[in-house]
Protein backbone atom coordinates (compact mmCIF):
# COMPACT_ATOMS: atom_id res chain seq x y z
CA MET A 1 11.44 -57.25 -3.79
CA VAL A 2 11.72 -58.17 -7.43
CA CYS A 3 9.22 -57.73 -10.25
CA CYS A 4 7.83 -61.10 -11.31
CA GLN A 5 7.77 -60.17 -15.02
CA CYS A 6 11.22 -58.71 -15.67
CA GLY A 7 13.17 -59.57 -12.52
CA VAL A 8 14.10 -55.94 -11.83
CA GLY A 9 13.98 -54.56 -8.29
CA LEU A 10 10.79 -52.62 -7.45
CA GLN A 11 12.81 -49.59 -6.35
CA VAL A 12 14.22 -49.30 -9.86
CA LEU A 13 10.77 -49.65 -11.42
CA CYS A 14 9.39 -46.86 -9.22
CA ALA A 15 12.24 -44.52 -10.12
CA ARG A 16 11.93 -45.37 -13.82
CA ALA A 17 8.19 -45.53 -14.24
CA ASN A 18 8.35 -44.42 -17.88
CA HIS A 19 11.55 -46.34 -18.75
CA THR A 20 13.69 -43.22 -19.14
CA ARG A 21 16.80 -42.35 -17.22
CA ILE A 22 16.36 -41.13 -13.65
CA GLY A 23 15.82 -37.38 -13.54
CA GLU A 24 15.62 -36.98 -17.30
CA ALA A 25 13.20 -34.36 -18.59
CA ALA A 26 10.66 -35.22 -21.24
CA HIS A 27 12.05 -32.43 -23.44
CA PRO A 28 15.57 -31.66 -22.22
CA GLY A 29 17.34 -28.43 -23.09
CA ARG A 30 16.50 -24.75 -23.10
CA ALA A 31 13.12 -23.46 -24.14
CA ARG A 32 12.81 -22.33 -27.72
CA ALA A 33 13.48 -18.65 -28.35
CA GLY A 34 9.98 -18.13 -29.73
CA ALA A 35 8.36 -19.33 -26.51
CA ARG A 36 9.54 -16.30 -24.51
CA VAL A 37 7.33 -13.22 -24.55
CA GLU A 38 9.17 -9.91 -24.35
CA ARG A 39 7.64 -7.42 -21.92
CA SER A 40 8.57 -3.89 -21.06
CA ALA A 41 9.25 -2.62 -17.57
CA ALA A 42 6.21 -0.36 -17.96
CA ASP A 43 3.99 -3.46 -18.03
CA LEU A 44 5.29 -4.48 -14.61
CA VAL A 45 4.84 -0.99 -13.18
CA ALA A 46 1.30 -0.77 -14.57
CA ALA A 47 0.23 -4.17 -13.20
CA PRO A 48 -2.15 -3.82 -10.23
CA MET A 49 -0.55 -5.23 -7.11
CA LEU A 50 -3.62 -4.97 -4.87
CA GLU A 51 -7.34 -5.32 -5.30
CA ALA A 52 -9.45 -2.14 -5.26
CA VAL A 53 -11.00 -3.11 -1.90
CA THR A 54 -7.56 -3.38 -0.32
CA VAL A 55 -6.50 -0.01 -1.72
CA LYS A 56 -9.64 1.61 -0.25
CA LEU A 57 -9.00 -0.01 3.13
CA GLN A 58 -5.39 1.15 3.15
CA GLN A 59 -6.44 4.70 2.25
CA ARG A 60 -9.06 4.78 5.01
CA VAL A 61 -6.57 3.52 7.61
CA TRP A 62 -3.91 5.99 6.43
CA ASP A 63 -6.44 8.86 6.58
CA ASN A 64 -7.36 7.89 10.17
CA PHE A 65 -3.69 7.75 11.10
CA GLU A 66 -3.03 11.18 9.57
CA LEU A 67 -6.02 12.61 11.45
CA TRP A 68 -4.62 11.12 14.66
CA LEU A 69 -1.25 12.74 13.93
CA GLU A 70 -2.86 16.12 13.19
CA CYS A 71 -4.44 16.11 16.65
CA ARG A 72 -1.09 15.53 18.33
CA LEU A 73 1.72 17.03 16.24
CA SER A 74 2.44 20.25 14.41
CA GLU A 75 2.69 20.23 10.62
CA ASP A 76 6.50 20.46 10.79
CA ALA A 77 6.72 17.55 13.21
CA ARG A 78 4.37 15.44 11.07
CA SER A 79 6.51 16.02 7.99
CA GLN A 80 9.59 14.72 9.81
CA VAL A 81 8.20 11.73 11.73
CA PHE A 82 9.15 9.17 9.10
CA LEU A 83 12.64 10.56 8.50
CA CYS A 84 13.80 8.69 11.61
CA PRO A 85 12.82 4.98 11.57
CA SER A 86 12.98 4.53 15.35
CA LEU A 87 10.75 7.57 15.89
CA ALA A 88 8.33 6.32 13.24
CA ALA A 89 8.16 2.94 15.00
CA GLN A 90 7.38 4.63 18.31
CA VAL A 91 4.66 6.79 16.74
CA LEU A 92 3.07 3.76 15.06
CA ARG A 93 3.19 1.91 18.38
CA ALA A 94 1.52 4.82 20.15
CA TYR A 95 -1.19 4.86 17.47
CA GLY A 96 -1.77 1.13 17.97
CA CYS A 97 -2.01 1.60 21.75
CA THR A 98 -4.50 4.43 21.24
CA CYS A 99 -6.63 2.24 18.99
CA THR A 100 -6.56 -0.50 21.62
CA ARG A 101 -7.41 1.88 24.46
CA GLU A 102 -10.34 3.26 22.52
CA GLU A 103 -11.45 -0.31 21.77
CA ALA A 104 -11.23 0.50 18.09
CA LEU A 105 -8.67 -2.17 17.33
CA CYS A 106 -10.30 -3.61 14.30
CA MET A 107 -8.89 -5.42 11.33
CA SER A 108 -7.89 -2.11 9.73
CA CYS A 109 -5.69 -1.18 12.70
CA ALA A 110 -4.15 -4.63 12.75
CA ILE A 111 -3.40 -4.40 9.02
CA PHE A 112 -1.84 -0.97 9.45
CA LEU A 113 0.46 -2.03 12.26
């Protein structure tokens, strides 16, 4: 199809809606040096990554998990559970199964696992 006013193909008109070259930026080139804001690494570390509600939920779930571990393992065993990833995975799985068996599988357990 051809435009009735200028005789150019419609595909070309669509690609060049503002009569610039295809793919050309409105303001080509790098951003001006003044536009960049310098930030320290401390700003990134200090930035909150989670909302306060999420932090409270995580703490409650972790406290429940630690209580569950205390009922089943000695202090020495608890301190070493997460040194071995495969053992940690098995312990977390067992905790999830316990939550399910006790019909306490709520959103907090699902988030934890």
